[in-house]
Amino acid sequence: MNYSWNRPLENLPEEMTTIWSCVKEECNGWIRASFSFNEVPICSHCKSSMISSKKILPILISSDQQIKLHRKNQRTGAIS
């Protein structure tokens, strides 16, 4: 049997995303701004303050329908 739902998605589209980054150099903590509940969050790793910045990240796919559509587009793109 072929369980295609279990394979990782490849070639996900990316976009510039606003994030919160930890101010400590030795800490690599960050969080997407859209996932933060506070105006200025605290780093969950080291409890330091965070600053707003940007990072290129994969676009989040939020539903099964979007995942199926993305996989279908991958298959048709690989065939052509």
PDB file of N, CA and C in Angstrom:
ATOM      1  N   MET A   1       0.833  -1.190   0.000  1.00  0.00           N
ATOM      2  CA  MET A   1       0.000   0.000   0.000  1.00  0.00           C
ATOM      3  C   MET A   1       0.873   1.247   0.000  1.00  0.00           C
ATOM      4  N   ASN A   2       0.370   2.271  -0.630  1.00  0.00           N
ATOM      5  CA  ASN A   2       1.098   3.530  -0.711  1.00  0.00           C
ATOM      6  C   ASN A   2       0.383   4.576   0.126  1.00  0.00           C
ATOM      7  N   TYR A   3       0.973   4.990   1.219  1.00  0.00           N
ATOM      8  CA  TYR A   3       0.367   5.987   2.094  1.00  0.00           C
ATOM      9  C   TYR A   3       0.949   7.358   1.780  1.00  0.00           C
ATOM     10  N   SER A   4       0.398   8.028   0.792  1.00  0.00           N
ATOM     11  CA  SER A   4       0.947   9.320   0.369  1.00  0.00           C
ATOM     12  C   SER A   4       0.735  10.410   1.419  1.00  0.00           C
ATOM     13  N   TRP A   5      -0.252  10.258   2.281  1.00  0.00           N
ATOM     14  CA  TRP A   5      -0.501  11.269   3.320  1.00  0.00           C
ATOM     15  C   TRP A   5       0.604  11.278   4.354  1.00  0.00           C
ATOM     16  N   ASN A   6       1.388  10.212   4.408  1.00  0.00           N
ATOM     17  CA  ASN A   6       2.432  10.087   5.412  1.00  0.00           C
ATOM     18  C   ASN A   6       3.766  10.674   4.949  1.00  0.00           C
ATOM     19  N   ARG A   7       3.904  10.968   3.645  1.00  0.00           N
ATOM     20  CA  ARG A   7       5.138  11.545   3.132  1.00  0.00           C
ATOM     21  C   ARG A   7       5.175  13.043   3.408  1.00  0.00           C
ATOM     22  N   PRO A   8       6.359  13.598   3.668  1.00  0.00           N
ATOM     23  CA  PRO A   8       6.450  15.042   3.896  1.00  0.00           C
ATOM     24  C   PRO A   8       6.171  15.811   2.606  1.00  0.00           C
ATOM     25  N   LEU A   9       5.633  17.008   2.764  1.00  0.00           N
ATOM     26  CA  LEU A   9       5.388  17.862   1.606  1.00  0.00           C
ATOM     27  C   LEU A   9       6.724  18.408   1.113  1.00  0.00           C
ATOM     28  N   GLU A  10       6.871  18.485  -0.195  1.00  0.00           N
ATOM     29  CA  GLU A  10       8.092  19.023  -0.776  1.00  0.00           C
ATOM     30  C   GLU A  10       7.769  20.301  -1.521  1.00  0.00           C
ATOM     31  N   ASN A  11       8.775  21.141  -1.650  1.00  0.00           N
ATOM     32  CA  ASN A  11       8.655  22.383  -2.413  1.00  0.00           C
ATOM     33  C   ASN A  11       7.483  23.250  -1.944  1.00  0.00           C
ATOM     34  N   LEU A  12       7.374  23.415  -0.651  1.00  0.00           N
ATOM     35  CA  LEU A  12       6.309  24.263  -0.136  1.00  0.00           C
ATOM     36  C   LEU A  12       6.563  25.707  -0.532  1.00  0.00           C
ATOM     37  N   PRO A  13       5.523  26.426  -0.909  1.00  0.00           N
ATOM     38  CA  PRO A  13       5.717  27.847  -1.220  1.00  0.00           C
ATOM     39  C   PRO A  13       6.102  28.601   0.049  1.00  0.00           C
ATOM     40  N   GLU A  14       7.004  29.567  -0.119  1.00  0.00           N
ATOM     41  CA  GLU A  14       7.478  30.337   1.033  1.00  0.00           C
ATOM     42  C   GLU A  14       7.089  31.793   0.874  1.00  0.00           C
ATOM     43  N   GLU A  15       7.078  32.497   2.006  1.00  0.00           N
ATOM     44  CA  GLU A  15       6.792  33.924   1.988  1.00  0.00           C
ATOM     45  C   GLU A  15       7.529  34.595   3.139  1.00  0.00           C
ATOM     46  N   MET A  16       7.745  35.903   3.017  1.00  0.00           N
ATOM     47  CA  MET A  16       8.348  36.671   4.090  1.00  0.00           C
ATOM     48  C   MET A  16       7.310  36.779   5.200  1.00  0.00           C
ATOM     49  N   THR A  17       7.681  36.330   6.402  1.00  0.00           N
ATOM     50  CA  THR A  17       6.749  36.231   7.522  1.00  0.00           C
ATOM     51  C   THR A  17       7.258  37.053   8.693  1.00  0.00           C
ATOM     52  N   THR A  18       6.371  37.767   9.345  1.00  0.00           N
ATOM     53  CA  THR A  18       6.727  38.516  10.545  1.00  0.00           C
ATOM     54  C   THR A  18       6.837  37.552  11.711  1.00  0.00           C
ATOM     55  N   ILE A  19       7.953  37.632  12.435  1.00  0.00           N
ATOM     56  CA  ILE A  19       8.192  36.755  13.572  1.00  0.00           C
ATOM     57  C   ILE A  19       8.652  37.578  14.770  1.00  0.00           C
ATOM     58  N   TRP A  20       8.667  36.946  15.925  1.00  0.00           N
ATOM     59  CA  TRP A  20       9.290  37.489  17.127  1.00  0.00           C
ATOM     60  C   TRP A  20      10.534  36.664  17.386  1.00  0.00           C
ATOM     61  N   SER A  21      11.687  37.315  17.540  1.00  0.00           N
ATOM     62  CA  SER A  21      12.954  36.636  17.798  1.00  0.00           C
ATOM     63  C   SER A  21      13.470  37.001  19.178  1.00  0.00           C
ATOM     64  N   CYS A  22      14.101  36.042  19.836  1.00  0.00           N
ATOM     65  CA  CYS A  22      14.694  36.283  21.145  1.00  0.00           C
ATOM     66  C   CYS A  22      15.862  37.258  21.007  1.00  0.00           C
ATOM     67  N   VAL A  23      16.020  38.158  21.991  1.00  0.00           N
ATOM     68  CA  VAL A  23      17.086  39.151  21.940  1.00  0.00           C
ATOM     69  C   VAL A  23      18.446  38.580  22.343  1.00  0.00           C
ATOM     70  N   LYS A  24      18.472  37.463  23.056  1.00  0.00           N
ATOM     71  CA  LYS A  24      19.747  36.864  23.468  1.00  0.00           C
ATOM     72  C   LYS A  24      20.410  36.174  22.279  1.00  0.00           C
ATOM     73  N   GLU A  25      21.690  36.459  22.075  1.00  0.00           N
ATOM     74  CA  GLU A  25      22.422  35.865  20.956  1.00  0.00           C
ATOM     75  C   GLU A  25      22.541  34.348  21.067  1.00  0.00           C
ATOM     76  N   GLU A  26      22.731  33.837  22.277  1.00  0.00           N
ATOM     77  CA  GLU A  26      22.925  32.396  22.446  1.00  0.00           C
ATOM     78  C   GLU A  26      21.614  31.608  22.362  1.00  0.00           C
ATOM     79  N   CYS A  27      20.488  32.297  22.358  1.00  0.00           N
ATOM     80  CA  CYS A  27      19.184  31.636  22.252  1.00  0.00           C
ATOM     81  C   CYS A  27      18.679  31.753  20.816  1.00  0.00           C
ATOM     82  N   ASN A  28      18.136  30.674  20.291  1.00  0.00           N
ATOM     83  CA  ASN A  28      17.596  30.707  18.927  1.00  0.00           C
ATOM     84  C   ASN A  28      16.070  30.650  18.915  1.00  0.00           C
ATOM     85  N   GLY A  29      15.428  31.082  19.994  1.00  0.00           N
ATOM     86  CA  GLY A  29      13.972  31.046  20.078  1.00  0.00           C
ATOM     87  C   GLY A  29      13.308  32.066  19.167  1.00  0.00           C
ATOM     88  N   TRP A  30      12.230  31.655  18.519  1.00  0.00           N
ATOM     89  CA  TRP A  30      11.413  32.552  17.713  1.00  0.00           C
ATOM     90  C   TRP A  30      10.014  31.968  17.594  1.00  0.00           C
ATOM     91  N   ILE A  31       9.063  32.820  17.206  1.00  0.00           N
ATOM     92  CA  ILE A  31       7.672  32.398  17.023  1.00  0.00           C
ATOM     93  C   ILE A  31       7.053  33.266  15.932  1.00  0.00           C
ATOM     94  N   ARG A  32       6.173  32.676  15.141  1.00  0.00           N
ATOM     95  CA  ARG A  32       5.442  33.474  14.152  1.00  0.00           C
ATOM     96  C   ARG A  32       4.588  34.498  14.896  1.00  0.00           C
ATOM     97  N   ALA A  33       4.541  35.712  14.383  1.00  0.00           N
ATOM     98  CA  ALA A  33       3.765  36.765  15.025  1.00  0.00           C
ATOM     99  C   ALA A  33       2.282  36.392  15.079  1.00  0.00           C
ATOM    100  N   SER A  34       1.811  35.676  14.085  1.00  0.00           N
ATOM    101  CA  SER A  34       0.401  35.286  14.058  1.00  0.00           C
ATOM    102  C   SER A  34       0.067  34.235  15.114  1.00  0.00           C
ATOM    103  N   PHE A  35       1.076  33.589  15.709  1.00  0.00           N
ATOM    104  CA  PHE A  35       0.848  32.594  16.749  1.00  0.00           C
ATOM    105  C   PHE A  35       1.050  33.144  18.152  1.00  0.00           C
ATOM    106  N   SER A  36       1.398  34.404  18.255  1.00  0.00           N
ATOM    107  CA  SER A  36       1.654  35.018  19.551  1.00  0.00           C
ATOM    108  C   SER A  36       0.371  35.624  20.101  1.00  0.00           C
ATOM    109  N   PHE A  37       0.109  35.379  21.381  1.00  0.00           N
ATOM    110  CA  PHE A  37      -1.084  35.922  22.005  1.00  0.00           C
ATOM    111  C   PHE A  37      -0.814  37.255  22.694  1.00  0.00           C
ATOM    112  N   ASN A  38       0.451  37.594  22.915  1.00  0.00           N
ATOM    113  CA  ASN A  38       0.818  38.831  23.597  1.00  0.00           C
ATOM    114  C   ASN A  38       1.284  39.874  22.590  1.00  0.00           C
ATOM    115  N   GLU A  39       1.172  41.150  22.980  1.00  0.00           N
ATOM    116  CA  GLU A  39       1.680  42.210  22.112  1.00  0.00           C
ATOM    117  C   GLU A  39       3.180  42.086  21.954  1.00  0.00           C
ATOM    118  N   VAL A  40       3.891  41.863  23.053  1.00  0.00           N
ATOM    119  CA  VAL A  40       5.329  41.616  23.027  1.00  0.00           C
ATOM    120  C   VAL A  40       5.566  40.339  23.834  1.00  0.00           C
ATOM    121  N   PRO A  41       5.765  39.209  23.148  1.00  0.00           N
ATOM    122  CA  PRO A  41       5.898  37.936  23.861  1.00  0.00           C
ATOM    123  C   PRO A  41       7.241  37.799  24.575  1.00  0.00           C
ATOM    124  N   ILE A  42       7.289  36.839  25.472  1.00  0.00           N
ATOM    125  CA  ILE A  42       8.502  36.460  26.193  1.00  0.00           C
ATOM    126  C   ILE A  42       8.977  35.130  25.607  1.00  0.00           C
ATOM    127  N   CYS A  43      10.286  34.985  25.420  1.00  0.00           N
ATOM    128  CA  CYS A  43      10.860  33.760  24.857  1.00  0.00           C
ATOM    129  C   CYS A  43      10.524  32.570  25.753  1.00  0.00           C
ATOM    130  N   SER A  44       9.993  31.530  25.155  1.00  0.00           N
ATOM    131  CA  SER A  44       9.624  30.341  25.933  1.00  0.00           C
ATOM    132  C   SER A  44      10.847  29.516  26.335  1.00  0.00           C
ATOM    133  N   HIS A  45      11.985  29.733  25.672  1.00  0.00           N
ATOM    134  CA  HIS A  45      13.205  28.983  25.994  1.00  0.00           C
ATOM    135  C   HIS A  45      13.955  29.583  27.178  1.00  0.00           C
ATOM    136  N   CYS A  46      14.181  30.909  27.115  1.00  0.00           N
ATOM    137  CA  CYS A  46      15.045  31.524  28.124  1.00  0.00           C
ATOM    138  C   CYS A  46      14.364  32.643  28.909  1.00  0.00           C
ATOM    139  N   LYS A  47      13.101  32.927  28.626  1.00  0.00           N
ATOM    140  CA  LYS A  47      12.304  33.939  29.332  1.00  0.00           C
ATOM    141  C   LYS A  47      12.810  35.365  29.117  1.00  0.00           C
ATOM    142  N   SER A  48      13.562  35.621  28.038  1.00  0.00           N
ATOM    143  CA  SER A  48      14.013  36.976  27.695  1.00  0.00           C
ATOM    144  C   SER A  48      12.954  37.660  26.841  1.00  0.00           C
ATOM    145  N   SER A  49      13.137  38.938  26.623  1.00  0.00           N
ATOM    146  CA  SER A  49      12.205  39.665  25.757  1.00  0.00           C
ATOM    147  C   SER A  49      12.487  39.307  24.302  1.00  0.00           C
ATOM    148  N   MET A  50      11.564  39.668  23.424  1.00  0.00           N
ATOM    149  CA  MET A  50      11.681  39.348  22.006  1.00  0.00           C
ATOM    150  C   MET A  50      11.488  40.602  21.179  1.00  0.00           C
ATOM    151  N   ILE A  51      12.063  40.612  19.978  1.00  0.00           N
ATOM    152  CA  ILE A  51      11.898  41.744  19.066  1.00  0.00           C
ATOM    153  C   ILE A  51      11.266  41.247  17.768  1.00  0.00           C
ATOM    154  N   SER A  52      10.565  42.149  17.117  1.00  0.00           N
ATOM    155  CA  SER A  52       9.913  41.817  15.858  1.00  0.00           C
ATOM    156  C   SER A  52      10.940  41.826  14.732  1.00  0.00           C
ATOM    157  N   SER A  53      10.854  40.823  13.857  1.00  0.00           N
ATOM    158  CA  SER A  53      11.728  40.762  12.683  1.00  0.00           C
ATOM    159  C   SER A  53      11.012  39.967  11.596  1.00  0.00           C
ATOM    160  N   LYS A  54      11.711  39.670  10.530  1.00  0.00           N
ATOM    161  CA  LYS A  54      11.110  38.940   9.410  1.00  0.00           C
ATOM    162  C   LYS A  54      11.983  37.750   9.061  1.00  0.00           C
ATOM    163  N   LYS A  55      11.339  36.702   8.523  1.00  0.00           N
ATOM    164  CA  LYS A  55      12.042  35.476   8.143  1.00  0.00           C
ATOM    165  C   LYS A  55      11.266  34.831   7.001  1.00  0.00           C
ATOM    166  N   ILE A  56      11.967  34.237   6.050  1.00  0.00           N
ATOM    167  CA  ILE A  56      11.292  33.516   4.967  1.00  0.00           C
ATOM    168  C   ILE A  56      10.945  32.121   5.480  1.00  0.00           C
ATOM    169  N   LEU A  57       9.633  31.851   5.521  1.00  0.00           N
ATOM    170  CA  LEU A  57       9.129  30.582   6.053  1.00  0.00           C
ATOM    171  C   LEU A  57       8.107  29.979   5.096  1.00  0.00           C
ATOM    172  N   PRO A  58       7.916  28.667   5.167  1.00  0.00           N
ATOM    173  CA  PRO A  58       6.861  28.055   4.357  1.00  0.00           C
ATOM    174  C   PRO A  58       5.487  28.600   4.760  1.00  0.00           C
ATOM    175  N   ILE A  59       4.645  28.754   3.771  1.00  0.00           N
ATOM    176  CA  ILE A  59       3.268  29.173   4.036  1.00  0.00           C
ATOM    177  C   ILE A  59       2.579  28.016   4.739  1.00  0.00           C
ATOM    178  N   LEU A  60       1.887  28.304   5.823  1.00  0.00           N
ATOM    179  CA  LEU A  60       1.201  27.245   6.551  1.00  0.00           C
ATOM    180  C   LEU A  60      -0.033  26.807   5.794  1.00  0.00           C
ATOM    181  N   ILE A  61      -0.189  25.500   5.662  1.00  0.00           N
ATOM    182  CA  ILE A  61      -1.364  24.913   5.028  1.00  0.00           C
ATOM    183  C   ILE A  61      -2.254  24.443   6.158  1.00  0.00           C
ATOM    184  N   SER A  62      -3.453  25.008   6.229  1.00  0.00           N
ATOM    185  CA  SER A  62      -4.260  24.823   7.422  1.00  0.00           C
ATOM    186  C   SER A  62      -5.350  23.761   7.323  1.00  0.00           C
ATOM    187  N   SER A  63      -5.628  23.249   6.146  1.00  0.00           N
ATOM    188  CA  SER A  63      -6.707  22.261   6.075  1.00  0.00           C
ATOM    189  C   SER A  63      -6.306  21.067   5.224  1.00  0.00           C
ATOM    190  N   ASP A  64      -7.003  19.975   5.416  1.00  0.00           N
ATOM    191  CA  ASP A  64      -6.751  18.776   4.631  1.00  0.00           C
ATOM    192  C   ASP A  64      -6.982  19.031   3.148  1.00  0.00           C
ATOM    193  N   GLN A  65      -7.972  19.860   2.830  1.00  0.00           N
ATOM    194  CA  GLN A  65      -8.263  20.158   1.428  1.00  0.00           C
ATOM    195  C   GLN A  65      -7.081  20.878   0.779  1.00  0.00           C
ATOM    196  N   GLN A  66      -6.470  21.820   1.490  1.00  0.00           N
ATOM    197  CA  GLN A  66      -5.324  22.545   0.949  1.00  0.00           C
ATOM    198  C   GLN A  66      -4.125  21.622   0.774  1.00  0.00           C
ATOM    199  N   ILE A  67      -3.926  20.692   1.698  1.00  0.00           N
ATOM    200  CA  ILE A  67      -2.824  19.742   1.594  1.00  0.00           C
ATOM    201  C   ILE A  67      -3.034  18.839   0.379  1.00  0.00           C
ATOM    202  N   LYS A  68      -4.263  18.333   0.201  1.00  0.00           N
ATOM    203  CA  LYS A  68      -4.557  17.481  -0.948  1.00  0.00           C
ATOM    204  C   LYS A  68      -4.339  18.232  -2.260  1.00  0.00           C
ATOM    205  N   LEU A  69      -4.765  19.497  -2.321  1.00  0.00           N
ATOM    206  CA  LEU A  69      -4.582  20.301  -3.526  1.00  0.00           C
ATOM    207  C   LEU A  69      -3.099  20.526  -3.801  1.00  0.00           C
ATOM    208  N   HIS A  70      -2.328  20.801  -2.754  1.00  0.00           N
ATOM    209  CA  HIS A  70      -0.885  21.008  -2.926  1.00  0.00           C
ATOM    210  C   HIS A  70      -0.216  19.742  -3.442  1.00  0.00           C
ATOM    211  N   ARG A  71      -0.562  18.583  -2.899  1.00  0.00           N
ATOM    212  CA  ARG A  71       0.028  17.313  -3.358  1.00  0.00           C
ATOM    213  C   ARG A  71      -0.369  17.003  -4.798  1.00  0.00           C
ATOM    214  N   LYS A  72      -1.620  17.306  -5.155  1.00  0.00           N
ATOM    215  CA  LYS A  72      -2.067  17.086  -6.513  1.00  0.00           C
ATOM    216  C   LYS A  72      -1.267  17.968  -7.476  1.00  0.00           C
ATOM    217  N   ASN A  73      -1.049  19.228  -7.091  1.00  0.00           N
ATOM    218  CA  ASN A  73      -0.264  20.137  -7.919  1.00  0.00           C
ATOM    219  C   ASN A  73       1.186  19.671  -8.032  1.00  0.00           C
ATOM    220  N   GLN A  74       1.726  19.082  -6.970  1.00  0.00           N
ATOM    221  CA  GLN A  74       3.091  18.550  -7.005  1.00  0.00           C
ATOM    222  C   GLN A  74       3.184  17.410  -8.021  1.00  0.00           C
ATOM    223  N   ARG A  75       2.202  16.507  -7.983  1.00  0.00           N
ATOM    224  CA  ARG A  75       2.223  15.358  -8.891  1.00  0.00           C
ATOM    225  C   ARG A  75       2.103  15.814 -10.348  1.00  0.00           C
ATOM    226  N   THR A  76       1.194  16.729 -10.642  1.00  0.00           N
ATOM    227  CA  THR A  76       1.016  17.179 -12.005  1.00  0.00           C
ATOM    228  C   THR A  76       2.214  17.994 -12.474  1.00  0.00           C
ATOM    229  N   GLY A  77       2.866  18.707 -11.564  1.00  0.00           N
ATOM    230  CA  GLY A  77       4.070  19.461 -11.921  1.00  0.00           C
ATOM    231  C   GLY A  77       5.249  18.544 -12.187  1.00  0.00           C
ATOM    232  N   ALA A  78       5.327  17.423 -11.493  1.00  0.00           N
ATOM    233  CA  ALA A  78       6.425  16.482 -11.675  1.00  0.00           C
ATOM    234  C   ALA A  78       6.270  15.703 -12.974  1.00  0.00           C
ATOM    235  N   ILE A  79       5.030  15.499 -13.398  1.00  0.00           N
ATOM    236  CA  ILE A  79       4.766  14.723 -14.618  1.00  0.00           C
ATOM    237  C   ILE A  79       5.098  15.558 -15.859  1.00  0.00           C
ATOM    238  N   SER A  80       4.734  16.856 -15.839  1.00  0.00           N
ATOM    239  CA  SER A  80       4.945  17.670 -17.029  1.00  0.00           C
ATOM    240  C   SER A  80       6.356  18.137 -17.207  1.00  0.00           C
TER     241      SER A  80
END
